[in-house]
Protein backbone atom coordinates (compact mmCIF):
# COMPACT_ATOMS: atom_id res chain seq x y z
CA MET A 1 110.00 114.63 128.44
CA ARG A 2 111.54 117.12 125.93
CA VAL A 3 113.84 119.66 127.56
CA HIS A 4 113.86 123.15 126.06
CA ARG A 5 117.51 123.96 125.86
CA SER A 6 117.58 127.60 125.19
CA GLY A 7 119.01 129.30 128.37
CA THR A 8 118.75 126.13 130.54
CA THR A 9 122.18 124.54 129.88
CA LEU A 10 123.05 124.18 133.59
CA ALA A 11 119.72 122.85 134.38
CA GLY A 12 119.88 120.42 131.57
CA ALA A 13 123.33 119.17 132.60
CA ALA A 14 122.10 118.69 136.23
CA LEU A 15 119.08 116.70 135.04
CA ALA A 16 121.25 114.45 132.77
CA ALA A 17 123.68 113.89 135.75
CA LEU A 18 120.76 112.88 138.08
CA ALA A 19 119.52 110.51 135.38
CA LEU A 20 122.90 108.83 135.32
CA LEU A 21 122.99 108.56 139.28
CA LEU A 22 119.58 107.12 139.66
CA PRO A 23 120.20 103.57 138.52
CA LEU A 24 123.35 103.34 140.84
CA GLY A 25 121.19 103.54 144.11
CA LEU A 26 123.04 106.34 145.55
CA PRO A 27 121.76 107.85 148.87
CA GLY A 28 118.62 109.98 148.04
CA THR A 29 117.85 108.47 144.81
CA ALA A 30 114.80 106.42 144.04
CA ALA A 31 116.70 103.24 143.76
CA ALA A 32 118.24 103.70 147.31
CA ALA A 33 114.71 104.37 148.47
CA GLN A 34 113.68 100.88 147.25
CA ASP A 35 116.68 99.40 149.01
CA PRO A 36 117.74 101.35 151.90
CA GLY A 37 120.51 99.14 152.85
CA ALA A 38 122.03 98.80 149.57
CA ARG A 39 124.95 101.12 150.40
CA GLN A 40 125.52 100.17 154.04
CA ALA A 41 128.57 98.17 154.86
CA ALA A 42 127.67 94.48 155.93
CA PRO A 43 128.30 93.67 159.49
CA ALA A 44 131.25 91.55 160.58
CA ARG A 45 130.97 87.81 160.06
CA GLY A 46 130.11 86.12 163.36
CA SER A 47 128.19 89.21 164.70
CA ALA A 48 124.74 87.78 163.67
CA HIS A 49 122.14 87.19 166.28
CA MET A 50 118.42 86.24 166.51
CA GLY A 51 116.08 88.71 165.19
CA MET A 52 118.60 91.29 163.97
CA GLY A 53 116.61 91.83 160.70
CA VAL A 54 113.14 91.82 162.17
CA ILE A 55 112.58 95.57 162.72
CA ALA A 56 114.04 96.41 159.31
CA HIS A 57 111.94 93.95 157.40
CA ASP A 58 108.70 93.49 159.58
CA GLY A 59 108.77 96.77 161.66
CA GLN A 60 107.84 97.05 165.34
CA GLY A 61 104.50 97.62 166.77
CA PRO A 62 103.43 97.99 170.46
CA THR A 63 103.97 95.02 172.61
CA SER A 64 101.53 93.90 175.37
CA GLY A 65 104.24 92.00 177.16
CA GLY A 66 101.88 89.10 177.25
CA ALA A 67 99.55 90.44 179.94
CA ALA A 68 96.40 89.20 178.12
CA LEU A 69 97.96 85.84 177.05
CA ALA A 70 97.23 82.43 178.74
CA ALA A 71 99.96 80.62 180.53
CA GLN A 72 103.42 81.79 179.26
CA THR A 73 106.85 81.45 180.55
CA GLU A 74 109.35 84.13 180.04
CA GLY A 75 112.75 83.54 178.50
CA VAL A 76 115.72 85.36 176.80
CA ASP A 77 118.07 84.70 173.93
CA VAL A 78 121.57 85.92 173.97
CA SER A 79 124.70 86.02 171.90
CA SER A 80 128.24 87.59 172.13
CA HIS A 81 126.78 91.03 171.48
CA ASN A 82 125.20 90.83 175.03
CA GLY A 83 128.66 90.27 176.57
CA ASN A 84 128.48 89.03 180.18
CA VAL A 85 124.88 88.74 181.20
CA ALA A 86 123.42 89.49 184.59
CA TRP A 87 121.66 86.24 184.98
CA SER A 88 120.62 86.77 188.68
CA THR A 89 118.80 89.91 187.73
CA LEU A 90 117.04 88.16 184.94
CA TRP A 91 116.09 85.13 187.27
CA ASN A 92 114.79 87.51 189.89
CA SER A 93 112.75 89.35 187.24
CA GLY A 94 110.89 86.03 186.31
CA VAL A 95 112.98 84.77 183.34
CA LYS A 96 113.12 81.11 183.73
CA TRP A 97 114.79 79.80 180.48
CA ALA A 98 117.40 80.98 177.94
CA TYR A 99 118.83 80.23 174.63
CA VAL A 100 122.45 81.08 174.00
CA LYS A 101 124.11 81.43 170.50
CA ALA A 102 126.62 78.73 170.13
CA THR A 103 127.84 79.00 166.52
CA GLU A 104 127.42 80.59 163.07
CA GLY A 105 128.13 78.92 159.57
CA THR A 106 131.04 76.69 160.19
CA TYR A 107 133.53 79.53 161.07
CA TYR A 108 132.31 81.14 164.29
CA LYS A 109 131.81 80.21 167.89
CA ASN A 110 130.25 82.75 170.47
CA THR A 111 133.16 84.31 172.42
CA SER A 112 130.78 84.67 175.39
CA PHE A 113 129.50 81.25 175.33
CA ALA A 114 130.86 79.90 178.69
CA GLN A 115 129.52 82.80 180.80
CA GLN A 116 126.23 82.85 179.01
CA TYR A 117 125.51 79.17 178.89
CA ASN A 118 126.87 78.06 182.35
CA GLY A 119 125.69 81.23 184.04
CA SER A 120 122.00 80.63 183.06
CA TYR A 121 122.30 77.11 184.29
CA ASN A 122 123.99 78.20 187.59
CA VAL A 123 121.11 80.47 188.59
CA GLY A 124 118.43 77.73 187.85
CA MET A 125 117.37 78.23 184.33
CA ILE A 126 116.67 75.62 181.80
CA ARG A 127 118.84 76.55 178.80
CA GLY A 128 119.76 75.58 175.23
CA THR A 129 121.67 76.76 172.29
CA TYR A 130 121.20 78.10 168.83
CA HIS A 131 123.03 78.13 165.56
CA PHE A 132 122.83 81.24 163.18
CA ALA A 133 122.46 79.62 159.61
CA THR A 134 124.40 80.78 156.66
CA PRO A 135 123.06 78.48 153.80
CA ASP A 136 125.32 80.28 151.27
CA THR A 137 128.59 79.11 152.94
CA THR A 138 128.38 75.33 153.61
CA THR A 139 125.74 72.48 153.60
CA GLY A 140 123.17 72.14 156.28
CA ALA A 141 124.69 68.81 157.40
CA ALA A 142 128.28 70.47 157.81
CA GLN A 143 126.71 73.24 159.85
CA ALA A 144 124.68 70.96 162.03
CA ASP A 145 127.93 68.99 162.70
CA TYR A 146 129.74 72.20 163.53
CA PHE A 147 126.84 73.23 165.98
CA VAL A 148 126.73 69.78 167.80
CA ASN A 149 130.53 69.81 168.08
CA ASN A 150 130.58 73.16 169.61
CA GLY A 151 127.88 73.53 172.21
CA GLY A 152 124.80 72.37 170.27
CA GLY A 153 124.35 69.03 171.58
CA TRP A 154 121.56 67.84 173.93
CA SER A 155 121.46 65.65 177.08
CA GLN A 156 118.43 64.35 178.86
CA ASP A 157 119.19 66.05 182.28
CA GLY A 158 115.85 68.03 182.44
CA ARG A 159 117.83 71.35 182.15
CA THR A 160 118.82 71.24 178.44
CA LEU A 161 116.70 72.37 175.60
CA PRO A 162 116.98 71.04 172.10
CA GLY A 163 119.03 73.07 169.72
CA VAL A 164 117.63 75.81 167.54
CA LEU A 165 118.07 76.56 163.80
CA ASP A 166 118.00 80.29 163.48
CA ILE A 167 116.98 80.73 159.80
CA GLU A 168 116.16 84.40 158.87
CA TRP A 169 117.40 87.30 156.76
CA ASN A 170 120.88 87.31 155.74
CA PRO A 171 122.72 90.17 157.44
CA TYR A 172 125.73 89.76 154.98
CA GLY A 173 124.01 89.83 151.61
CA ALA A 174 120.90 88.76 149.61
CA ALA A 175 117.93 87.91 151.99
CA CYS A 176 117.56 84.23 150.84
CA TYR A 177 121.26 83.55 150.58
CA GLY A 178 121.15 83.26 146.98
CA LYS A 179 118.88 80.09 147.10
CA SER A 180 115.58 79.18 145.39
CA ALA A 181 112.70 78.23 147.69
CA ALA A 182 113.27 74.60 146.88
CA GLY A 183 116.92 75.00 147.53
CA MET A 184 116.22 76.60 150.85
CA VAL A 185 113.87 73.78 151.88
CA ALA A 186 116.43 71.29 151.00
CA TRP A 187 119.12 72.97 152.95
CA ILE A 188 116.95 73.22 156.04
CA GLN A 189 116.01 69.66 155.65
CA ASP A 190 119.80 68.73 155.43
CA PHE A 191 120.40 70.51 158.79
CA VAL A 192 117.47 69.11 160.66
CA ASN A 193 118.04 65.53 159.55
CA ARG A 194 121.79 65.65 160.65
CA TYR A 195 120.80 67.33 163.95
CA LYS A 196 118.27 64.69 164.80
CA ALA A 197 120.78 61.93 163.67
CA ARG A 198 123.34 63.49 166.03
CA THR A 199 121.34 64.22 169.06
CA GLY A 200 117.90 62.12 168.79
CA ARG A 201 116.02 65.53 168.92
CA ASP A 202 114.10 67.55 166.41
CA ALA A 203 115.63 70.97 166.26
CA VAL A 204 113.42 74.00 167.02
CA ILE A 205 113.15 76.28 163.95
CA TYR A 206 113.42 80.13 164.58
CA THR A 207 112.11 82.25 161.84
CA ALA A 208 109.84 85.10 160.86
CA THR A 209 106.72 84.55 158.72
CA SER A 210 107.48 87.15 156.06
CA TRP A 211 111.09 85.62 155.59
CA TRP A 212 109.71 82.16 155.59
CA LYS A 213 107.23 82.99 152.79
CA GLN A 214 109.85 84.72 150.78
CA CYS A 215 112.57 82.20 151.05
CA THR A 216 110.86 78.84 151.39
CA GLY A 217 107.72 79.51 149.42
CA ASN A 218 105.88 79.11 152.61
CA SER A 219 106.87 75.61 152.95
CA SER A 220 104.85 73.37 155.46
CA ALA A 221 107.49 70.56 155.32
CA PHE A 222 108.63 70.93 158.85
CA ALA A 223 105.49 71.78 160.71
CA SER A 224 104.71 68.09 161.94
CA THR A 225 108.23 67.62 163.31
CA ASN A 226 110.07 70.82 164.30
CA PRO A 227 108.86 73.11 167.04
CA LEU A 228 108.29 76.82 165.83
CA TRP A 229 109.98 79.79 167.38
CA ILE A 230 108.37 82.81 165.66
CA ALA A 231 109.72 86.40 165.82
CA ARG A 232 107.15 89.21 165.78
CA TYR A 233 107.53 92.41 167.55
CA ALA A 234 103.88 93.35 168.17
CA SER A 235 101.02 92.92 170.56
CA ASP A 236 100.11 89.47 168.91
CA VAL A 237 101.98 86.86 167.08
CA GLY A 238 100.10 87.33 163.67
CA GLU A 239 100.12 84.86 160.90
CA LEU A 240 102.16 81.83 161.32
CA PRO A 241 104.18 79.88 158.56
CA ALA A 242 102.35 77.26 156.69
CA GLY A 243 101.40 74.01 158.51
CA TRP A 244 102.23 75.15 162.12
CA PRO A 245 98.98 75.36 163.96
CA TYR A 246 100.61 77.03 166.98
CA TYR A 247 104.02 78.45 168.05
CA THR A 248 106.20 76.95 170.81
CA ILE A 249 108.16 80.25 171.50
CA TRP A 250 107.34 83.72 170.45
CA GLN A 251 110.16 86.46 170.43
CA TYR A 252 107.93 89.51 170.93
CA THR A 253 110.61 92.30 171.54
CA SER A 254 114.28 93.22 171.13
CA SER A 255 114.02 96.02 173.74
CA GLY A 256 113.32 93.97 176.93
CA PRO A 257 114.69 94.72 180.40
CA THR A 258 118.31 93.61 181.37
CA VAL A 259 118.69 91.65 177.92
CA GLY A 260 116.80 92.99 174.93
CA ASP A 261 115.47 89.88 173.21
CA HIS A 262 112.59 88.56 175.30
CA ASN A 263 110.38 85.54 174.67
CA HIS A 264 107.07 83.90 175.59
CA PHE A 265 107.16 80.06 175.88
CA ASN A 266 103.67 78.95 174.86
CA GLY A 267 102.69 77.29 178.22
CA ASP A 268 103.62 77.12 181.88
CA TYR A 269 106.96 76.11 183.28
CA SER A 270 105.97 72.46 182.94
CA ARG A 271 105.83 72.72 179.31
CA VAL A 272 109.29 74.18 179.17
CA GLN A 273 110.35 71.13 181.07
CA ALA A 274 108.64 68.86 178.79
CA LEU A 275 110.55 70.27 175.78
CA ALA A 276 113.78 69.88 177.68
CA ASN A 277 112.97 66.21 178.62
CA GLY A 278 112.05 65.30 175.11
């Protein structure tokens, strides 16, 4: 657009300055609107937890709480951001199982692990642990080893669930951790192969469908071996990643009572026991 300069020196200068700012993605500009988080500081390493990117990327709809679902068993997932958890309160409210963050990358161990892992067990829950993946820092095998060595193991005691690979949006940088779809699939395969070699169990995969489609090309490579834990904060679970005919666990809210992250296990309590027993 041609600018008529006569008598509009200040206005023209302002427009020129705005044009220079637009590509920088400064707050209030078009570039910033396309990437609202571009200017926000990344969280501290180690602070990631299940589902922390779900609302920002997938949104949040009304949740039914599972009233219309077939048999479902309520559970929670926790990490250090929850601190000391009131396990007796959760147990008395009907929560029968829990997953506790154990590790992240090869550099972080949950500082509240003992209270959370032992506390859930002591009130009677079946519990397990999860690993927050950072595929841009070390190999899948290295992270599986770190996980198993720091709380991610499995024992056939009837009260221990198989470990979970939490693979979702990168809270510290690019959503797909700088990997191609093929590279991401290879990284996940590296992790689950090593985890099974170490424990004898197939790891559960926690993810969101939109992230899975974006970052793995909607791979179906794990559907026949690894149980699916799907994140979707809405009244129904929606589309599942390719290959999985059903979910094993559904994280349906991050604003539940006592602990925010609440989940439905797809089956009655005997099915939770079956997963624990392998």
